[in-house]
Amino acid sequence: MSTAFHSKVHLLSLPNEMLDRILCNLNFQALLKCKEVCKKLKVYIESAKETSYIIELALAGLEHNTTNTWSKAACLESLRKYQSGWEKLEWSEETTIPMLTAGMWDLYGGILAQADENQTFHFLRLPSDSRRIEKKSWTVEPNVGDEVVKDFAFDPSQDLLILITPPTAAFPHMSLYLRTLMTNENHPLAIQPFLRHKVDLLTGRWIPTSLKIMQDYIGLVSFYRAPVDEEDSSDLKEFRIWNWKTDKLELAIQTNDTRSFAFASDKHVILANQYIPDDLENSECYLVLIDFKAEDEKMKKLSEVQNSVKLCYPDRVAGTALMSFGISSELPPGWTPGKDDTSPFFVAKDERIFTVSIRFRRGRDFAFDHFIPLAAFQKCTNRPSSTRELKWSEWAPTETRLIQTSLPASLVWANFTYGSRSIARELRKKSFSALVYDFNQRACRRDAILNGTSTAPGKIVGGDEAVWKDTLETSLPFRVCSRSLPNIRPRTQALMCSGDNIILVDNTSGEMRIYTF
């Protein structure tokens, strides 16, 4: 009879090189468990650069970029500098660039783009001190013949640039040209160099109002404005989603109430809808979460969409008019940097907050920001019930955060949410401050444990002197940091943010001030 030979091998008795290799293949949660085994292993994990980087990266809501070739010690130093800058709002550089006057612009993936009056597109890769990203600028000529570009979008991770031209009487199609971002060539991953759909109504104007990219998908809201002298001068709004690589239309709906939208996954989209009747007091705001992969491509009304859920907002006090309602979030969930991006880390694929900005008028303006994490939408899509409408009490109080603000969010410069952060303007007497809200839940839990600090549930009082009928309580934890910005006229400015920058848009001087971390 043979007997098995048993030998105890203590982890800490292994050579450091072997121990490091084992620990560095563990994830964040496993390393935290290892720290609980014994004091020596805890000290070892906390003192090693490699394991410290894994833990601190996860706590920051970030992921390591596999194209980066730095040592883990260099990555850790970069991470700590990056986090310290954002947590204290201490930027390392401030620069100013002119605003171009053509009115077309976008901010996505750390790149700021503007078009000039000659329809030349100027791209600027914003710098980062902590992540060692150098500033880079280039221009693109649209090269669309006699057509005029009315909107554009881009995604540096896919080297993708989309240019939209409206239909004309001579060519009744809306065209979306699919180009490479750096060289303006036809994109090699698209089976066609453009997407086109025919438009029937041509006496008025078709205006693209919102264009977003989500991996293989493009979402577009377009608006038809009828001539005022037409007998039936009603306007029309349509929302479409295509797979830009395969030229396949995934969703087409008529939705006159939609003001903006955001992708929640590669199969879900969120519409921010504002129903405005002739009587503004009876207006309604709501979100619609649609599984667009479960729908067909036939044009339908929003009410005919089967795979959707309506997320309702609370009742308002009589006499309260809804003035604006929109949703903002960048980057889309699942986004990863391109192969040419060698920076050390990026915002984690599921670390997303969506900011819904609401403005009411009841004698004066009331502004609110409603912060919704990706997890809240995921719960709505994974619910066992087939209910197609959720009351506020069924989806919002414990999963989200509603905050009243002193200044409403900009409807034009709407890129104020990035990852788990959202930036807002605050007016205190005569001073103007930037507020950065951070909804990274791991960091919130860490602060609660280490410092005994946590954000209590927030109450917004309802009743006759307010806009909401009932007092609203929401409890999603968050952290906030503010910094005063001197010599600013708050009502002529807007704030935006990217992963490495805060951008102050100054409409008075026609400049953008860029603060770099």
Protein backbone atom coordinates (compact mmCIF):
# COMPACT_ATOMS: atom_id res chain seq x y z
CA MET A 1 0.00 0.00 0.00
CA SER A 2 1.38 3.39 -0.95
CA THR A 3 0.96 6.38 1.30
CA ALA A 4 0.76 10.01 0.20
CA PHE A 5 3.58 12.27 1.28
CA HIS A 6 2.33 15.48 2.87
CA SER A 7 4.53 18.51 3.32
CA LYS A 8 3.43 21.89 4.63
CA VAL A 9 4.79 24.77 2.63
CA HIS A 10 4.46 28.16 4.30
CA LEU A 11 3.73 30.93 1.83
CA LEU A 12 6.16 33.31 3.49
CA SER A 13 8.96 30.74 3.27
CA LEU A 14 8.96 31.01 -0.52
CA PRO A 15 11.57 33.17 -2.24
CA ASN A 16 10.37 36.76 -2.62
CA GLU A 17 10.41 36.52 -6.41
CA MET A 18 8.08 33.51 -6.35
CA LEU A 19 5.85 35.05 -3.69
CA ASP A 20 5.56 38.26 -5.71
CA ARG A 21 4.59 36.30 -8.80
CA ILE A 22 1.85 34.48 -6.90
CA LEU A 23 0.44 37.59 -5.25
CA CYS A 24 0.53 39.68 -8.41
CA ASN A 25 -1.74 37.16 -10.13
CA LEU A 26 -4.42 37.69 -7.50
CA ASN A 27 -7.19 40.23 -7.84
CA PHE A 28 -8.09 43.01 -5.45
CA GLN A 29 -10.53 40.96 -3.37
CA ALA A 30 -8.14 38.01 -3.03
CA LEU A 31 -5.33 40.29 -1.85
CA LEU A 32 -7.58 41.76 0.83
CA LYS A 33 -8.33 38.22 2.04
CA CYS A 34 -4.61 37.42 2.11
CA LYS A 35 -4.01 40.47 4.32
CA GLU A 36 -6.29 38.88 6.91
CA VAL A 37 -4.23 35.65 7.11
CA CYS A 38 -1.45 36.98 9.33
CA LYS A 39 0.35 40.17 10.25
CA LYS A 40 3.53 39.30 8.32
CA LEU A 41 1.67 38.68 5.08
CA LYS A 42 -0.32 41.88 5.60
CA VAL A 43 2.88 43.89 6.03
CA TYR A 44 4.42 42.21 2.98
CA ILE A 45 1.44 42.98 0.74
CA GLU A 46 1.24 46.60 1.90
CA SER A 47 4.96 47.20 1.43
CA ALA A 48 5.27 45.65 -2.03
CA LYS A 49 4.81 48.09 -4.91
CA GLU A 50 3.15 45.51 -7.14
CA THR A 51 0.43 44.47 -4.72
CA SER A 52 -0.10 48.01 -3.45
CA TYR A 53 -0.73 49.08 -7.04
CA ILE A 54 -3.37 46.36 -7.56
CA ILE A 55 -5.22 47.32 -4.37
CA GLU A 56 -5.03 51.10 -4.76
CA LEU A 57 -5.99 50.87 -8.42
CA ALA A 58 -9.19 48.97 -7.59
CA LEU A 59 -10.04 51.34 -4.73
CA ALA A 60 -9.71 54.24 -7.16
CA GLY A 61 -12.16 52.66 -9.61
CA LEU A 62 -9.46 52.26 -12.25
CA GLU A 63 -8.00 49.44 -14.35
CA HIS A 64 -4.45 48.80 -15.52
CA ASN A 65 -3.75 49.45 -19.19
CA THR A 66 -2.12 46.30 -20.59
CA THR A 67 -0.30 48.28 -23.31
CA ASN A 68 1.67 50.16 -20.64
CA THR A 69 5.29 49.05 -20.14
CA TRP A 70 6.21 50.94 -16.96
CA SER A 71 7.37 49.24 -13.81
CA LYS A 72 4.68 48.74 -11.19
CA ALA A 73 6.58 51.16 -8.95
CA ALA A 74 6.28 53.85 -11.62
CA CYS A 75 2.59 53.03 -12.13
CA LEU A 76 1.97 53.29 -8.38
CA GLU A 77 3.70 56.67 -8.21
CA SER A 78 1.60 57.89 -11.13
CA LEU A 79 -1.60 56.58 -9.53
CA ARG A 80 -0.93 58.27 -6.19
CA LYS A 81 -0.16 61.58 -7.87
CA TYR A 82 -3.31 61.30 -9.99
CA GLN A 83 -5.54 60.47 -7.03
CA SER A 84 -4.07 63.17 -4.82
CA GLY A 85 -4.66 65.81 -7.49
CA TRP A 86 -8.32 64.93 -7.94
CA GLU A 87 -9.08 64.43 -4.24
CA LYS A 88 -7.62 67.84 -3.36
CA LEU A 89 -8.47 69.54 -6.67
CA GLU A 90 -4.83 70.57 -7.01
CA TRP A 91 -3.99 70.76 -10.70
CA SER A 92 -0.42 71.04 -11.94
CA GLU A 93 -0.97 73.17 -15.02
CA GLU A 94 -3.39 75.77 -16.36
CA THR A 95 -3.60 76.71 -20.04
CA THR A 96 -5.99 78.73 -22.21
CA ILE A 97 -7.15 78.02 -25.75
CA PRO A 98 -9.54 80.02 -27.99
CA MET A 99 -13.12 78.90 -28.62
CA LEU A 100 -13.86 78.53 -32.31
CA THR A 101 -17.03 80.15 -33.59
CA ALA A 102 -18.62 77.47 -35.80
CA GLY A 103 -20.57 76.02 -32.88
CA MET A 104 -19.58 72.36 -33.36
CA TRP A 105 -17.47 70.76 -30.63
CA ASP A 106 -17.06 67.54 -28.66
CA LEU A 107 -15.06 66.18 -25.73
CA TYR A 108 -14.48 62.44 -25.62
CA GLY A 109 -11.75 60.11 -24.39
CA GLY A 110 -9.43 62.95 -23.39
CA ILE A 111 -9.69 64.70 -26.78
CA LEU A 112 -11.28 68.11 -27.30
CA ALA A 113 -12.48 68.91 -30.82
CA GLN A 114 -13.84 72.08 -32.40
CA ALA A 115 -14.80 73.08 -35.93
CA ASP A 116 -14.01 76.47 -37.46
CA GLU A 117 -16.08 78.50 -39.91
CA ASN A 118 -14.43 76.71 -42.87
CA GLN A 119 -15.51 73.31 -41.50
CA THR A 120 -11.97 72.35 -40.58
CA PHE A 121 -11.96 70.19 -37.46
CA HIS A 122 -9.30 70.95 -34.86
CA PHE A 123 -8.46 68.12 -32.45
CA LEU A 124 -6.50 68.51 -29.22
CA ARG A 125 -5.40 65.59 -27.09
CA LEU A 126 -5.50 67.04 -23.61
CA PRO A 127 -2.34 66.51 -21.55
CA SER A 128 -1.90 64.74 -18.23
CA ASP A 129 0.95 65.39 -15.84
CA SER A 130 0.32 62.40 -13.59
CA ARG A 131 -0.28 59.90 -16.42
CA ARG A 132 2.47 61.46 -18.61
CA ILE A 133 0.23 62.14 -21.60
CA GLU A 134 1.61 64.78 -23.93
CA LYS A 135 -0.54 67.36 -25.65
CA LYS A 136 -1.07 66.71 -29.35
CA SER A 137 -3.03 68.63 -31.97
CA TRP A 138 -4.08 67.89 -35.54
CA THR A 139 -6.69 69.01 -38.07
CA VAL A 140 -9.10 67.16 -40.33
CA GLU A 141 -10.76 68.42 -43.52
CA PRO A 142 -14.15 66.70 -43.91
CA ASN A 143 -13.88 66.00 -47.67
CA VAL A 144 -17.61 65.40 -48.21
CA GLY A 145 -17.92 67.21 -51.54
CA ASP A 146 -20.66 69.83 -51.66
CA GLU A 147 -22.34 68.52 -48.51
CA VAL A 148 -22.19 70.43 -45.24
CA VAL A 149 -21.27 68.70 -41.98
CA LYS A 150 -23.86 69.44 -39.27
CA ASP A 151 -22.56 67.25 -36.45
CA PHE A 152 -19.78 64.84 -35.62
CA ALA A 153 -18.56 62.36 -33.02
CA PHE A 154 -15.40 60.37 -32.46
CA ASP A 155 -13.87 57.58 -30.41
CA PRO A 156 -10.05 57.55 -30.14
CA SER A 157 -10.04 53.96 -28.86
CA GLN A 158 -11.36 52.83 -32.26
CA ASP A 159 -9.69 55.58 -34.32
CA LEU A 160 -13.23 56.45 -35.40
CA LEU A 161 -14.58 59.77 -36.68
CA ILE A 162 -18.23 60.18 -37.74
CA LEU A 163 -19.36 63.14 -39.85
CA ILE A 164 -23.08 63.80 -40.43
CA THR A 165 -24.54 65.64 -43.41
CA PRO A 166 -28.28 66.43 -43.65
CA PRO A 167 -30.57 65.55 -46.57
CA THR A 168 -31.19 67.95 -49.44
CA ALA A 169 -33.74 68.08 -52.25
CA ALA A 170 -31.09 66.80 -54.66
CA PHE A 171 -30.01 63.99 -52.31
CA PRO A 172 -32.76 63.08 -49.80
CA HIS A 173 -30.58 61.04 -47.44
CA MET A 174 -28.99 61.74 -44.09
CA SER A 175 -25.40 60.51 -44.34
CA LEU A 176 -23.01 59.40 -41.61
CA TYR A 177 -19.46 59.17 -42.95
CA LEU A 178 -17.23 56.65 -41.15
CA ARG A 179 -13.62 57.84 -41.12
CA THR A 180 -10.40 57.27 -39.22
CA LEU A 181 -9.81 59.91 -36.57
CA MET A 182 -6.13 60.51 -37.24
CA THR A 183 -6.00 60.37 -41.06
CA ASN A 184 -9.63 60.93 -42.21
CA GLU A 185 -9.63 57.82 -44.40
CA ASN A 186 -12.55 55.44 -44.81
CA HIS A 187 -12.61 53.32 -41.66
CA PRO A 188 -11.23 49.83 -42.40
CA LEU A 189 -13.62 48.07 -39.98
CA ALA A 190 -16.77 49.39 -41.68
CA ILE A 191 -18.12 47.37 -44.61
CA GLN A 192 -19.45 50.64 -46.08
CA PRO A 193 -17.74 54.06 -45.92
CA PHE A 194 -21.01 55.64 -44.77
CA LEU A 195 -24.42 54.95 -43.24
CA ARG A 196 -27.43 56.43 -44.99
CA HIS A 197 -31.15 56.58 -44.46
CA LYS A 198 -33.69 58.15 -46.78
CA VAL A 199 -35.82 61.00 -45.50
CA ASP A 200 -39.38 61.51 -46.79
CA LEU A 201 -40.09 65.02 -45.48
CA LEU A 202 -37.93 67.56 -47.28
CA THR A 203 -39.82 70.85 -47.13
CA GLY A 204 -38.43 71.62 -43.68
CA ARG A 205 -35.04 70.98 -42.08
CA TRP A 206 -33.57 67.78 -40.63
CA ILE A 207 -31.20 68.59 -37.77
CA PRO A 208 -28.99 66.03 -35.98
CA THR A 209 -29.18 66.91 -32.28
CA SER A 210 -27.31 64.15 -30.43
CA LEU A 211 -24.80 61.56 -31.63
CA LYS A 212 -23.04 58.98 -29.44
CA ILE A 213 -20.80 55.96 -29.94
CA MET A 214 -20.89 52.72 -27.94
CA GLN A 215 -18.31 50.22 -29.21
CA ASP A 216 -19.91 48.80 -32.41
CA TYR A 217 -22.99 51.02 -32.16
CA ILE A 218 -23.97 54.57 -33.07
CA GLY A 219 -27.01 56.33 -31.61
CA LEU A 220 -28.50 59.39 -33.31
CA VAL A 221 -31.36 61.72 -32.40
CA SER A 222 -32.47 63.77 -35.42
CA PHE A 223 -35.10 66.48 -35.46
CA TYR A 224 -37.36 67.55 -38.33
CA ARG A 225 -38.48 71.16 -38.18
CA ALA A 226 -41.41 71.87 -40.49
CA PRO A 227 -41.78 75.24 -42.27
CA VAL A 228 -43.96 77.65 -40.33
CA ASP A 229 -46.20 78.26 -43.35
CA GLU A 230 -47.15 74.60 -43.70
CA GLU A 231 -50.72 73.71 -42.82
CA ASP A 232 -49.48 70.91 -40.59
CA SER A 233 -46.31 72.42 -39.15
CA SER A 234 -45.78 69.80 -36.46
CA ASP A 235 -42.20 68.80 -35.72
CA LEU A 236 -40.88 65.25 -35.68
CA LYS A 237 -38.04 63.61 -33.79
CA GLU A 238 -36.49 60.21 -34.53
CA PHE A 239 -33.96 58.05 -32.72
CA ARG A 240 -31.89 55.39 -34.46
CA ILE A 241 -29.16 52.94 -33.51
CA TRP A 242 -26.89 51.31 -36.09
CA ASN A 243 -24.08 48.81 -35.97
CA TRP A 244 -21.56 50.98 -37.78
CA LYS A 245 -19.31 48.07 -38.71
CA THR A 246 -22.00 45.95 -40.39
CA ASP A 247 -24.30 48.75 -41.65
CA LYS A 248 -27.22 47.15 -39.77
CA LEU A 249 -30.03 49.28 -38.37
CA GLU A 250 -30.82 48.01 -34.86
CA LEU A 251 -33.55 50.41 -33.68
CA ALA A 252 -35.73 53.13 -35.20
CA ILE A 253 -38.35 54.99 -33.17
CA GLN A 254 -40.37 58.18 -33.33
CA THR A 255 -39.96 59.90 -29.98
CA ASN A 256 -40.77 63.59 -29.90
CA ASP A 257 -40.17 63.74 -26.15
CA THR A 258 -36.52 62.61 -26.20
CA ARG A 259 -34.05 65.35 -25.24
CA SER A 260 -30.86 63.29 -24.88
CA PHE A 261 -29.70 59.72 -24.40
CA ALA A 262 -26.85 57.57 -23.10
CA PHE A 263 -25.78 53.99 -23.65
CA ALA A 264 -25.90 51.74 -20.58
CA SER A 265 -24.35 48.69 -22.29
CA ASP A 266 -23.84 47.21 -25.73
CA LYS A 267 -27.55 46.27 -25.72
CA HIS A 268 -29.23 48.92 -23.53
CA VAL A 269 -29.86 52.61 -24.12
CA ILE A 270 -31.41 55.24 -21.81
CA LEU A 271 -33.62 58.00 -23.20
CA ALA A 272 -34.18 61.20 -21.20
CA ASN A 273 -37.70 62.27 -22.13
CA GLN A 274 -39.49 65.54 -21.49
CA TYR A 275 -43.17 65.68 -22.42
CA ILE A 276 -44.21 69.30 -22.90
CA PRO A 277 -47.88 70.01 -23.62
CA ASP A 278 -49.24 73.50 -24.27
CA ASP A 279 -49.77 73.78 -20.53
CA LEU A 280 -46.22 73.63 -19.11
CA GLU A 281 -47.51 72.77 -15.65
CA ASN A 282 -48.64 69.36 -16.96
CA SER A 283 -45.24 68.52 -18.43
CA GLU A 284 -43.58 65.26 -17.41
CA CYS A 285 -40.00 64.02 -17.18
CA TYR A 286 -39.02 60.36 -17.22
CA LEU A 287 -36.31 57.95 -18.33
CA VAL A 288 -36.84 55.00 -20.67
CA LEU A 289 -34.45 52.05 -20.55
CA ILE A 290 -34.59 50.06 -23.81
CA ASP A 291 -33.09 46.69 -24.73
CA PHE A 292 -32.45 47.69 -28.34
CA LYS A 293 -30.99 44.29 -29.31
CA ALA A 294 -34.36 42.70 -28.51
CA GLU A 295 -36.21 45.07 -30.88
CA ASP A 296 -36.40 44.92 -34.66
CA GLU A 297 -35.36 47.67 -37.06
CA LYS A 298 -38.87 48.71 -38.14
CA MET A 299 -39.82 52.31 -37.44
CA LYS A 300 -42.22 52.48 -34.49
CA LYS A 301 -43.50 54.89 -31.91
CA LEU A 302 -41.89 54.84 -28.48
CA SER A 303 -45.14 53.50 -27.02
CA GLU A 304 -44.82 50.48 -29.34
CA VAL A 305 -41.40 49.45 -28.04
CA GLN A 306 -41.88 46.19 -26.14
CA ASN A 307 -38.52 45.67 -24.44
CA SER A 308 -38.38 48.77 -22.30
CA VAL A 309 -39.05 50.06 -18.80
CA LYS A 310 -40.16 53.57 -17.88
CA LEU A 311 -38.48 55.09 -14.82
CA CYS A 312 -40.76 57.71 -13.29
CA TYR A 313 -40.00 60.84 -11.28
CA PRO A 314 -42.07 62.08 -8.31
CA ASP A 315 -45.15 64.27 -8.52
CA ARG A 316 -44.64 68.02 -8.50
CA VAL A 317 -46.48 70.85 -6.81
CA ALA A 318 -49.15 72.51 -8.95
CA GLY A 319 -47.82 75.55 -10.78
CA THR A 320 -44.36 74.03 -11.36
CA ALA A 321 -43.16 74.12 -14.98
CA LEU A 322 -40.54 71.69 -16.26
CA MET A 323 -37.94 73.70 -18.20
CA SER A 324 -35.22 71.18 -19.08
CA PHE A 325 -34.32 67.53 -18.59
CA GLY A 326 -31.23 65.72 -19.88
CA ILE A 327 -28.77 62.92 -19.19
CA SER A 328 -24.96 63.00 -19.34
CA SER A 329 -22.34 60.27 -18.99
CA GLU A 330 -18.92 59.64 -20.47
CA LEU A 331 -17.35 57.29 -21.30
CA PRO A 332 -19.86 54.55 -22.14
CA PRO A 333 -19.66 51.38 -20.01
CA GLY A 334 -17.14 48.86 -21.28
CA TRP A 335 -14.88 51.48 -22.89
CA THR A 336 -11.17 50.62 -23.04
CA PRO A 337 -8.30 52.68 -24.50
CA GLY A 338 -6.94 51.97 -27.95
CA LYS A 339 -3.75 50.10 -28.73
CA ASP A 340 -1.82 53.36 -29.22
CA ASP A 341 -2.69 54.56 -25.70
CA THR A 342 0.16 53.56 -23.38
CA SER A 343 -0.91 55.49 -20.27
CA PRO A 344 -0.78 53.37 -17.08
CA PHE A 345 -4.47 53.12 -16.21
CA PHE A 346 -8.00 54.12 -17.21
CA VAL A 347 -11.43 54.36 -15.60
CA ALA A 348 -12.80 50.87 -14.89
CA LYS A 349 -15.28 49.54 -17.44
CA ASP A 350 -18.23 49.44 -15.02
CA GLU A 351 -17.34 52.53 -12.95
CA ARG A 352 -19.99 54.86 -14.36
CA ILE A 353 -22.34 57.48 -12.99
CA PHE A 354 -25.11 59.07 -15.07
CA THR A 355 -26.08 62.66 -14.29
CA VAL A 356 -29.66 63.65 -14.99
CA SER A 357 -30.02 67.45 -14.92
CA ILE A 358 -33.47 68.89 -14.20
CA ARG A 359 -34.63 72.50 -14.12
CA PHE A 360 -38.04 73.70 -12.96
CA ARG A 361 -39.63 77.12 -12.73
CA ARG A 362 -42.06 78.10 -10.01
CA GLY A 363 -41.72 81.81 -9.51
CA ARG A 364 -37.96 81.27 -9.76
CA ASP A 365 -35.69 78.54 -11.13
CA PHE A 366 -35.01 75.32 -9.21
CA ALA A 367 -32.17 73.09 -10.44
CA PHE A 368 -31.42 69.49 -9.48
CA ASP A 369 -28.76 66.93 -10.39
CA HIS A 370 -29.85 63.31 -10.13
CA PHE A 371 -26.90 60.90 -9.96
CA ILE A 372 -27.61 57.33 -11.06
CA PRO A 373 -24.90 54.64 -10.98
CA LEU A 374 -24.70 52.02 -13.70
CA ALA A 375 -25.63 49.38 -11.10
CA ALA A 376 -29.06 51.00 -10.63
CA PHE A 377 -29.88 50.60 -14.32
CA GLN A 378 -28.54 47.05 -14.27
CA LYS A 379 -30.94 46.22 -11.44
CA CYS A 380 -33.81 47.57 -13.51
CA THR A 381 -32.87 45.36 -16.46
CA ASN A 382 -32.32 42.26 -14.31
CA ARG A 383 -35.52 42.51 -12.28
CA PRO A 384 -37.67 39.32 -12.27
CA SER A 385 -40.90 41.24 -12.82
CA SER A 386 -42.10 42.10 -16.32
CA THR A 387 -43.42 45.48 -15.14
CA ARG A 388 -42.80 48.12 -17.79
CA GLU A 389 -43.10 51.12 -15.49
CA LEU A 390 -41.37 51.73 -12.16
CA LYS A 391 -42.45 54.38 -9.70
CA TRP A 392 -39.78 56.62 -8.14
CA SER A 393 -40.06 54.66 -4.88
CA GLU A 394 -39.32 51.40 -6.72
CA TRP A 395 -36.01 52.34 -8.27
CA ALA A 396 -34.48 55.58 -6.97
CA PRO A 397 -34.37 56.22 -3.17
CA THR A 398 -31.70 53.71 -2.10
CA GLU A 399 -29.83 53.38 -5.41
CA THR A 400 -29.39 57.01 -6.50
CA ARG A 401 -28.75 60.55 -5.21
CA LEU A 402 -30.81 63.69 -5.88
CA ILE A 403 -29.11 67.01 -5.05
CA GLN A 404 -30.42 70.55 -5.40
CA THR A 405 -27.89 72.87 -7.02
CA SER A 406 -27.42 76.63 -6.99
CA LEU A 407 -26.73 76.80 -10.74
CA PRO A 408 -28.30 74.57 -13.42
CA ALA A 409 -26.11 72.35 -15.56
CA SER A 410 -25.34 73.60 -19.05
CA LEU A 411 -27.49 72.13 -21.82
CA VAL A 412 -24.84 73.01 -24.41
CA TRP A 413 -21.57 72.17 -22.69
CA ALA A 414 -22.97 68.89 -21.39
CA ASN A 415 -19.79 66.84 -20.92
CA PHE A 416 -19.62 67.25 -17.15
CA THR A 417 -19.64 63.57 -16.14
CA TYR A 418 -16.71 61.20 -16.56
CA GLY A 419 -16.51 57.73 -15.00
CA SER A 420 -17.72 58.06 -11.41
CA ARG A 421 -17.09 61.84 -11.26
CA SER A 422 -19.38 64.71 -12.11
CA ILE A 423 -18.48 68.38 -11.97
CA ALA A 424 -20.90 71.18 -11.13
CA ARG A 425 -20.87 74.94 -10.66
CA GLU A 426 -21.65 76.42 -7.28
CA LEU A 427 -22.45 80.03 -6.52
CA ARG A 428 -21.81 81.25 -2.96
CA LYS A 429 -22.56 84.93 -2.55
CA LYS A 430 -20.09 86.44 -5.02
CA SER A 431 -17.68 83.49 -5.29
CA PHE A 432 -17.78 80.81 -7.96
CA SER A 433 -16.62 77.28 -7.13
CA ALA A 434 -16.11 74.01 -8.94
CA LEU A 435 -17.68 71.04 -7.14
CA VAL A 436 -16.49 67.55 -8.04
CA TYR A 437 -18.77 64.75 -6.89
CA ASP A 438 -17.22 61.27 -6.76
CA PHE A 439 -19.53 58.25 -6.59
CA ASN A 440 -16.82 55.58 -6.47
CA GLN A 441 -18.47 53.28 -3.92
CA ARG A 442 -15.30 51.44 -2.87
CA ALA A 443 -13.65 54.72 -1.98
CA CYS A 444 -16.76 55.80 -0.06
CA ARG A 445 -16.75 52.57 1.96
CA ARG A 446 -13.01 52.90 2.64
CA ASP A 447 -13.43 56.45 3.93
CA ALA A 448 -16.31 55.35 6.14
CA ILE A 449 -14.14 52.62 7.71
CA LEU A 450 -10.87 54.54 8.04
CA ASN A 451 -12.16 58.00 8.89
CA GLY A 452 -15.64 57.32 10.18
CA THR A 453 -16.99 59.65 7.51
CA SER A 454 -19.96 58.84 5.34
CA THR A 455 -22.64 60.84 3.60
CA ALA A 456 -26.00 60.63 5.31
CA PRO A 457 -29.17 60.17 3.27
CA GLY A 458 -30.09 63.46 1.64
CA LYS A 459 -33.50 65.05 2.03
CA ILE A 460 -35.10 67.49 -0.37
CA VAL A 461 -38.07 69.09 1.33
CA GLY A 462 -41.35 69.02 -0.54
CA GLY A 463 -44.56 70.93 -0.03
CA ASP A 464 -46.16 74.23 -0.90
CA GLU A 465 -42.92 76.23 -0.93
CA ALA A 466 -41.03 73.67 -3.02
CA VAL A 467 -41.39 71.97 -6.42
CA TRP A 468 -41.85 68.35 -5.28
CA LYS A 469 -45.12 67.39 -3.58
CA ASP A 470 -43.43 65.18 -1.00
CA THR A 471 -40.08 65.26 0.78
CA LEU A 472 -37.62 63.08 -1.15
CA GLU A 473 -34.84 61.06 0.45
CA THR A 474 -32.01 59.43 -1.52
CA SER A 475 -29.04 57.66 -0.01
CA LEU A 476 -26.34 56.75 -2.57
CA PRO A 477 -23.02 57.62 -0.82
CA PHE A 478 -20.63 60.08 -2.42
CA ARG A 479 -17.58 62.23 -1.77
CA VAL A 480 -17.29 65.85 -2.79
CA CYS A 481 -14.46 68.35 -3.13
CA SER A 482 -14.72 72.02 -4.05
CA ARG A 483 -12.34 74.76 -5.07
CA SER A 484 -13.01 78.43 -5.64
CA LEU A 485 -12.25 79.82 -9.09
CA PRO A 486 -11.40 83.55 -8.85
CA ASN A 487 -12.30 86.25 -11.34
CA ILE A 488 -15.14 84.23 -12.84
CA ARG A 489 -18.56 85.41 -13.96
CA PRO A 490 -20.57 82.30 -13.08
CA ARG A 491 -23.58 82.80 -15.31
CA THR A 492 -21.48 83.01 -18.47
CA GLN A 493 -19.34 79.98 -17.73
CA ALA A 494 -19.74 76.22 -17.90
CA LEU A 495 -17.58 73.43 -16.49
CA MET A 496 -16.67 70.14 -18.16
CA CYS A 497 -14.34 67.33 -17.13
CA SER A 498 -12.34 64.50 -18.66
CA GLY A 499 -10.19 61.85 -17.01
CA ASP A 500 -7.27 64.26 -16.55
CA ASN A 501 -8.72 67.75 -16.89
CA ILE A 502 -11.29 70.29 -15.83
CA ILE A 503 -12.35 72.62 -18.65
CA LEU A 504 -13.83 76.03 -17.89
CA VAL A 505 -15.79 77.40 -20.85
CA ASP A 506 -15.82 81.21 -20.77
CA ASN A 507 -18.42 82.51 -23.21
CA THR A 508 -17.60 86.12 -22.34
CA SER A 509 -13.93 86.01 -23.34
CA GLY A 510 -14.38 83.29 -25.98
CA GLU A 511 -11.79 81.08 -24.31
CA MET A 512 -11.49 77.69 -22.67
CA ARG A 513 -9.36 77.38 -19.56
CA ILE A 514 -7.90 73.88 -19.10
CA TYR A 515 -6.77 72.65 -15.68
CA THR A 516 -4.54 69.58 -15.90
CA PHE A 517 -3.91 66.89 -13.26
